[in-house]
Protein backbone atom coordinates (compact mmCIF):
# COMPACT_ATOMS: atom_id res chain seq x y z
CA MET A 1 -8.11 -2.14 14.07
CA ASN A 2 -8.51 -5.18 11.64
CA PHE A 3 -5.47 -7.62 11.83
CA LYS A 4 -5.22 -6.90 7.38
CA ILE A 5 -5.22 -3.13 7.65
CA LEU A 6 -2.23 -3.44 9.72
CA THR A 7 -0.45 -6.17 7.80
CA THR A 8 -1.48 -3.65 4.56
CA ILE A 9 -0.11 -0.81 6.52
CA ALA A 10 3.25 -2.89 7.44
CA VAL A 11 4.27 -4.17 3.94
CA THR A 12 3.60 -0.52 2.06
CA LEU A 13 6.14 0.49 5.10
CA ILE A 14 8.30 -2.14 4.35
CA LEU A 15 8.48 -1.51 0.08
CA ALA A 16 8.21 1.64 0.82
CA TRP A 17 12.10 1.71 2.83
CA ALA A 18 12.75 -0.66 -0.16
CA ILE A 19 11.61 1.98 -2.91
CA PHE A 20 13.62 4.55 -1.34
CA HIS A 21 16.92 3.05 0.15
CA PHE A 22 17.38 0.99 -3.52
CA LYS A 23 16.03 4.38 -5.62
CA ALA A 24 19.86 5.00 -7.52
CA HIS A 25 19.50 0.63 -8.49
CA LEU A 26 16.18 0.94 -9.88
CA GLY A 27 16.64 4.41 -12.06
CA ILE A 28 13.84 4.81 -14.38
CA PHE A 29 11.87 2.86 -12.26
CA ILE A 30 11.43 4.44 -9.21
CA LEU A 31 8.55 6.32 -10.64
CA PRO A 32 6.15 3.33 -11.86
CA VAL A 33 7.29 1.48 -8.65
CA PHE A 34 5.80 4.28 -6.59
CA ILE A 35 2.85 4.89 -9.01
CA GLY A 36 2.02 0.97 -8.40
CA LEU A 37 2.03 0.89 -4.51
CA VAL A 38 0.55 4.06 -3.83
CA THR A 39 -2.35 1.80 -6.29
CA PHE A 40 -2.13 -0.99 -4.01
CA VAL A 41 -2.55 0.43 -0.82
CA THR A 42 -5.55 2.77 -1.82
CA LEU A 43 -6.98 -0.30 -3.50
CA ARG A 44 -6.13 -2.21 -0.77
CA LEU A 45 -7.17 -0.04 1.95
CA TYR A 46 -10.62 0.50 0.49
CA SER A 47 -11.56 -2.32 0.04
CA LEU A 48 -10.98 -3.09 3.47
CA ILE A 49 -12.70 -0.29 4.70
CA GLU A 50 -15.73 -0.94 2.79
CA LYS A 51 -15.87 -4.83 3.72
CA ASP A 52 -15.94 -3.54 7.28
CA LYS A 53 -18.52 -1.05 6.82
CA PRO A 54 -22.13 -1.37 8.81
CA GLU A 55 -25.02 -1.92 6.21
CA ASP A 56 -27.54 0.82 6.59
CA GLU A 57 -30.98 -0.58 7.23
């Protein structure tokens, strides 16, 4: 696996833990933070997958 993909997954897991650990403190901001995290992971992994995709010849 690519180092950037592993780093992205590790950062995501840490941020997800932080979101759910501090959900009482975040209050109403938990939903936008969660949606931002999901968007970040989706776009980041998609760009890494597209970059690693072999070109059709």
